[in-house]
Amino acid sequence: MSESLGGGVVYTETVVHSAPEALVAEAPYQIAIVWLDNGGRLTGRIAGEAVKIGDRVEHAEWRGGVAFFRKAS
């Protein structure tokens, strides 16, 4: 996927400490459900600075079919 999702607002978030086997080396990592500006919601990973509910985020990239978001500046 190469399409950008634009921005949105964090609806909810959590930090994964006990990851599935394929992602153990990346733990802990943050995931969030993002309420996209276009009206949908999407679960994605957070890259960089941690986010909290209500924070604005922007789509950073796709990795292995997973959307990564970062805190909007």
C-alpha atoms as a PDB file:
ATOM      1  CA  MET A   1       0.000   0.000   0.000  1.00  0.00           C
ATOM      2  CA  SER A   2       1.304   3.408  -0.847  1.00  0.00           C
ATOM      3  CA  GLU A   3      -1.766   5.561  -0.254  1.00  0.00           C
ATOM      4  CA  SER A   4      -1.456   8.200   2.458  1.00  0.00           C
ATOM      5  CA  LEU A   5      -4.220   8.233   5.041  1.00  0.00           C
ATOM      6  CA  GLY A   6      -3.760  11.880   5.978  1.00  0.00           C
ATOM      7  CA  GLY A   7      -4.319  12.848   9.582  1.00  0.00           C
ATOM      8  CA  GLY A   8      -6.642  12.149  12.447  1.00  0.00           C
ATOM      9  CA  VAL A   9      -7.149  12.086  16.200  1.00  0.00           C
ATOM     10  CA  VAL A  10      -6.228   9.308  18.630  1.00  0.00           C
ATOM     11  CA  TYR A  11      -9.468   7.644  19.769  1.00  0.00           C
ATOM     12  CA  THR A  12      -7.719   5.220  22.139  1.00  0.00           C
ATOM     13  CA  GLU A  13      -4.221   3.814  22.635  1.00  0.00           C
ATOM     14  CA  THR A  14      -2.236   1.165  24.465  1.00  0.00           C
ATOM     15  CA  VAL A  15       1.344  -0.014  24.843  1.00  0.00           C
ATOM     16  CA  VAL A  16       2.059  -3.635  23.971  1.00  0.00           C
ATOM     17  CA  HIS A  17       4.563  -5.210  26.359  1.00  0.00           C
ATOM     18  CA  SER A  18       3.822  -8.877  25.698  1.00  0.00           C
ATOM     19  CA  ALA A  19       4.005  -9.044  21.916  1.00  0.00           C
ATOM     20  CA  PRO A  20       3.284 -11.943  19.573  1.00  0.00           C
ATOM     21  CA  GLU A  21       6.359 -13.976  18.650  1.00  0.00           C
ATOM     22  CA  ALA A  22       6.918 -12.138  15.347  1.00  0.00           C
ATOM     23  CA  LEU A  23       7.101  -8.757  17.142  1.00  0.00           C
ATOM     24  CA  VAL A  24       8.872  -9.634  20.410  1.00  0.00           C
ATOM     25  CA  ALA A  25      12.028  -7.757  19.369  1.00  0.00           C
ATOM     26  CA  GLU A  26       9.988  -4.545  18.878  1.00  0.00           C
ATOM     27  CA  ALA A  27       8.227  -4.587  22.282  1.00  0.00           C
ATOM     28  CA  PRO A  28       7.243  -2.436  23.968  1.00  0.00           C
ATOM     29  CA  TYR A  29       5.442  -0.514  21.220  1.00  0.00           C
ATOM     30  CA  GLN A  30       2.356   1.667  21.073  1.00  0.00           C
ATOM     31  CA  ILE A  31      -0.743   1.034  19.007  1.00  0.00           C
ATOM     32  CA  ALA A  32      -3.749   3.310  18.610  1.00  0.00           C
ATOM     33  CA  ILE A  33      -7.142   3.493  17.031  1.00  0.00           C
ATOM     34  CA  VAL A  34      -7.140   6.686  14.994  1.00  0.00           C
ATOM     35  CA  TRP A  35     -10.312   8.525  14.021  1.00  0.00           C
ATOM     36  CA  LEU A  36      -9.289   9.632  10.530  1.00  0.00           C
ATOM     37  CA  ASP A  37     -10.206  13.055   9.194  1.00  0.00           C
ATOM     38  CA  ASN A  38     -12.037  11.302   6.342  1.00  0.00           C
ATOM     39  CA  GLY A  39     -14.443   9.722   8.835  1.00  0.00           C
ATOM     40  CA  GLY A  40     -13.126   6.169   9.269  1.00  0.00           C
ATOM     41  CA  ARG A  41     -11.253   4.575  12.146  1.00  0.00           C
ATOM     42  CA  LEU A  42      -8.082   2.545  11.740  1.00  0.00           C
ATOM     43  CA  THR A  43      -5.823   0.670  14.135  1.00  0.00           C
ATOM     44  CA  GLY A  44      -2.150   1.429  13.560  1.00  0.00           C
ATOM     45  CA  ARG A  45       1.243   1.613  15.193  1.00  0.00           C
ATOM     46  CA  ILE A  46       2.745   4.800  16.597  1.00  0.00           C
ATOM     47  CA  ALA A  47       6.207   5.796  15.404  1.00  0.00           C
ATOM     48  CA  GLY A  48       8.350   8.130  17.509  1.00  0.00           C
ATOM     49  CA  GLU A  49       6.926  10.132  20.387  1.00  0.00           C
ATOM     50  CA  ALA A  50       4.151   8.494  22.419  1.00  0.00           C
ATOM     51  CA  VAL A  51       0.607   9.779  21.933  1.00  0.00           C
ATOM     52  CA  LYS A  52      -2.411  10.066  24.204  1.00  0.00           C
ATOM     53  CA  ILE A  53      -6.157  10.127  23.598  1.00  0.00           C
ATOM     54  CA  GLY A  54      -7.131  13.312  21.748  1.00  0.00           C
ATOM     55  CA  ASP A  55      -3.699  13.942  20.179  1.00  0.00           C
ATOM     56  CA  ARG A  56      -3.518  14.830  16.493  1.00  0.00           C
ATOM     57  CA  VAL A  57      -1.517  12.357  14.415  1.00  0.00           C
ATOM     58  CA  GLU A  58      -0.500  12.084  10.782  1.00  0.00           C
ATOM     59  CA  HIS A  59       0.053   9.011   8.678  1.00  0.00           C
ATOM     60  CA  ALA A  60       3.810   8.424   8.412  1.00  0.00           C
ATOM     61  CA  GLU A  61       4.123   5.274   6.296  1.00  0.00           C
ATOM     62  CA  TRP A  62       3.019   1.727   5.588  1.00  0.00           C
ATOM     63  CA  ARG A  63       5.246  -1.116   6.825  1.00  0.00           C
ATOM     64  CA  GLY A  64       4.297  -4.656   5.925  1.00  0.00           C
ATOM     65  CA  GLY A  65       0.676  -3.612   5.386  1.00  0.00           C
ATOM     66  CA  VAL A  66       0.494  -1.854   8.768  1.00  0.00           C
ATOM     67  CA  ALA A  67      -0.217   1.887   9.001  1.00  0.00           C
ATOM     68  CA  PHE A  68       2.255   3.862  11.126  1.00  0.00           C
ATOM     69  CA  PHE A  69       1.269   7.246  12.543  1.00  0.00           C
ATOM     70  CA  ARG A  70       3.312   9.944  14.250  1.00  0.00           C
ATOM     71  CA  LYS A  71       2.304  12.799  16.525  1.00  0.00           C
ATOM     72  CA  ALA A  72       1.445  15.845  14.420  1.00  0.00           C
ATOM     73  CA  SER A  73       3.727  18.826  14.833  1.00  0.00           C
END
